[in-house]
Amino acid sequence: MAQVPSGSIRVVSAEIQRRGNYLICQRYAKAVLPLLWEFPGGRVREGQTDKDRLVEAVRHRIGVHAIVGELLLEKVHSYAEYDVTLVVYRCTIDGEPWDNNVNAVAWVAPEDFADYPFPGADQQTVAQLLEDA
């Protein structure tokens, strides 16, 4: 079982679109917030920039290189044990993503997002991105 974080963390995510669909990935069963879906990304560690971490996390999780574009939004979400600052950047990718270090990947149409359960912070982000689209 994954260790639950404490305090406050910063997470960067990639909003990747192709032909009107968004790329999402599913967490492992043994991860914190198991088997939920999210935009690919990861926790920013001390000394990392958002963009460097996002490139590294996308390559690690879905096996492709991300070209990080504009900042789309930044939201804080409080869980019982910790706060997450979720930062989303529009990205493009080189290559075809695969489930390198995630349970699954999917290209999802906006109208189908309700079929994929997201963590609370990500759900707020998805709702705002779709509203702004």
Protein backbone atom coordinates (compact mmCIF):
# COMPACT_ATOMS: atom_id res chain seq x y z
CA MET A 1 0.00 0.00 0.00
CA ALA A 2 1.32 3.46 -0.90
CA GLN A 3 2.18 5.94 1.83
CA VAL A 4 -0.39 8.72 2.24
CA PRO A 5 1.27 12.14 2.02
CA SER A 6 0.98 14.70 4.79
CA GLY A 7 1.13 18.49 4.81
CA SER A 8 0.98 20.23 1.45
CA ILE A 9 2.11 18.97 -1.94
CA ARG A 10 2.34 20.45 -5.43
CA VAL A 11 1.33 18.27 -8.36
CA VAL A 12 1.70 19.09 -12.05
CA SER A 13 -0.54 17.54 -14.70
CA ALA A 14 -0.60 17.50 -18.49
CA GLU A 15 -3.76 18.29 -20.40
CA ILE A 16 -3.16 16.47 -23.68
CA GLN A 17 -5.76 16.55 -26.46
CA ARG A 18 -5.95 14.66 -29.71
CA ARG A 19 -8.88 14.90 -32.14
CA GLY A 20 -11.18 16.23 -29.40
CA ASN A 21 -10.29 13.55 -26.85
CA TYR A 22 -8.24 13.95 -23.67
CA LEU A 23 -5.52 11.58 -22.50
CA ILE A 24 -6.00 10.23 -18.98
CA CYS A 25 -4.32 7.47 -17.02
CA GLN A 26 -5.41 5.18 -14.21
CA ARG A 27 -3.48 4.86 -10.95
CA TYR A 28 -2.22 1.47 -9.81
CA ALA A 29 -4.34 -0.52 -7.35
CA LYS A 30 -1.65 -0.11 -4.66
CA ALA A 31 -1.29 3.68 -5.14
CA VAL A 32 -2.71 6.40 -2.95
CA LEU A 33 -6.27 6.94 -4.29
CA PRO A 34 -6.15 3.54 -6.06
CA LEU A 35 -7.53 2.92 -9.56
CA LEU A 36 -8.77 6.47 -9.97
CA TRP A 37 -8.15 8.31 -13.24
CA GLU A 38 -6.11 11.48 -13.71
CA PHE A 39 -4.24 13.56 -16.23
CA PRO A 40 -0.65 12.30 -16.44
CA GLY A 41 1.79 14.06 -14.15
CA GLY A 42 3.38 13.87 -10.74
CA ARG A 43 4.41 15.48 -7.49
CA VAL A 44 6.93 18.32 -7.74
CA ARG A 45 9.94 17.67 -5.54
CA GLU A 46 12.16 20.25 -3.92
CA GLY A 47 14.52 21.83 -6.45
CA GLN A 48 12.37 20.91 -9.49
CA THR A 49 10.52 23.30 -11.73
CA ASP A 50 6.95 22.50 -12.75
CA LYS A 51 7.93 22.01 -16.37
CA ASP A 52 10.95 19.81 -15.68
CA ARG A 53 8.89 17.61 -13.36
CA LEU A 54 6.05 17.35 -15.86
CA VAL A 55 8.36 16.21 -18.67
CA GLU A 56 9.94 13.65 -16.34
CA ALA A 57 6.61 12.38 -14.97
CA VAL A 58 4.95 12.02 -18.39
CA ARG A 59 7.91 10.04 -19.71
CA HIS A 60 7.92 7.84 -16.61
CA ARG A 61 4.16 7.20 -16.49
CA ILE A 62 3.15 6.94 -20.15
CA GLY A 63 6.45 6.53 -22.00
CA VAL A 64 6.41 9.64 -24.21
CA HIS A 65 8.08 13.05 -24.30
CA ALA A 66 5.88 16.02 -23.34
CA ILE A 67 6.24 19.47 -24.80
CA VAL A 68 4.91 21.73 -22.05
CA GLY A 69 2.82 24.69 -23.16
CA GLU A 70 0.70 27.27 -21.41
CA LEU A 71 -0.42 27.14 -17.79
CA LEU A 72 -4.16 26.42 -17.82
CA LEU A 73 -5.07 26.52 -14.14
CA GLU A 74 -3.90 26.14 -10.58
CA LYS A 75 -6.24 24.89 -7.84
CA VAL A 76 -5.86 23.92 -4.19
CA HIS A 77 -7.83 20.93 -2.94
CA SER A 78 -7.91 19.77 0.69
CA TYR A 79 -8.03 16.11 1.57
CA ALA A 80 -8.31 14.97 5.22
CA GLU A 81 -4.55 14.36 5.59
CA TYR A 82 -3.05 16.89 3.19
CA ASP A 83 -3.58 19.75 0.71
CA VAL A 84 -2.82 19.44 -2.99
CA THR A 85 -1.98 22.36 -5.23
CA LEU A 86 -2.80 20.97 -8.67
CA VAL A 87 -1.25 22.81 -11.60
CA VAL A 88 -2.35 21.92 -15.14
CA TYR A 89 -0.39 22.75 -18.30
CA ARG A 90 -1.48 22.22 -21.89
CA CYS A 91 0.95 19.78 -23.47
CA THR A 92 1.62 17.95 -26.69
CA ILE A 93 3.44 14.63 -26.88
CA ASP A 94 5.83 12.81 -29.19
CA GLY A 95 4.76 9.24 -29.83
CA GLU A 96 1.95 7.01 -28.69
CA PRO A 97 1.34 6.82 -24.93
CA TRP A 98 1.21 3.46 -23.18
CA ASP A 99 0.75 2.15 -19.64
CA ASN A 100 4.45 2.28 -18.76
CA ASN A 101 3.97 3.05 -15.02
CA VAL A 102 0.20 3.32 -14.68
CA ASN A 103 -2.60 0.76 -14.67
CA ALA A 104 -4.12 1.97 -17.98
CA VAL A 105 -4.30 4.89 -20.41
CA ALA A 106 -7.35 6.11 -22.33
CA TRP A 107 -8.32 8.79 -24.82
CA VAL A 108 -11.65 10.10 -23.56
CA ALA A 109 -14.25 12.38 -25.14
CA PRO A 110 -15.40 15.22 -22.86
CA GLU A 111 -18.93 13.81 -22.67
CA ASP A 112 -17.56 10.49 -21.34
CA PHE A 113 -15.56 11.84 -18.38
CA ALA A 114 -18.38 10.87 -15.97
CA ASP A 115 -17.56 7.21 -16.72
CA TYR A 116 -14.05 7.61 -15.23
CA PRO A 117 -13.78 8.27 -11.47
CA PHE A 118 -11.22 10.97 -10.61
CA PRO A 119 -9.74 12.05 -7.25
CA GLY A 120 -11.39 15.15 -5.78
CA ALA A 121 -8.73 17.63 -6.90
CA ASP A 122 -8.69 16.20 -10.42
CA GLN A 123 -12.50 16.16 -10.64
CA GLN A 124 -12.61 19.90 -9.92
CA THR A 125 -9.93 20.45 -12.55
CA VAL A 126 -11.74 18.38 -15.19
CA ALA A 127 -14.96 20.28 -14.53
CA GLN A 128 -13.23 23.65 -14.89
CA LEU A 129 -11.30 22.65 -18.02
CA LEU A 130 -14.43 21.37 -19.71
CA GLU A 131 -16.32 24.50 -18.70
CA ASP A 132 -13.56 26.70 -20.14
CA ALA A 133 -13.30 24.67 -23.37
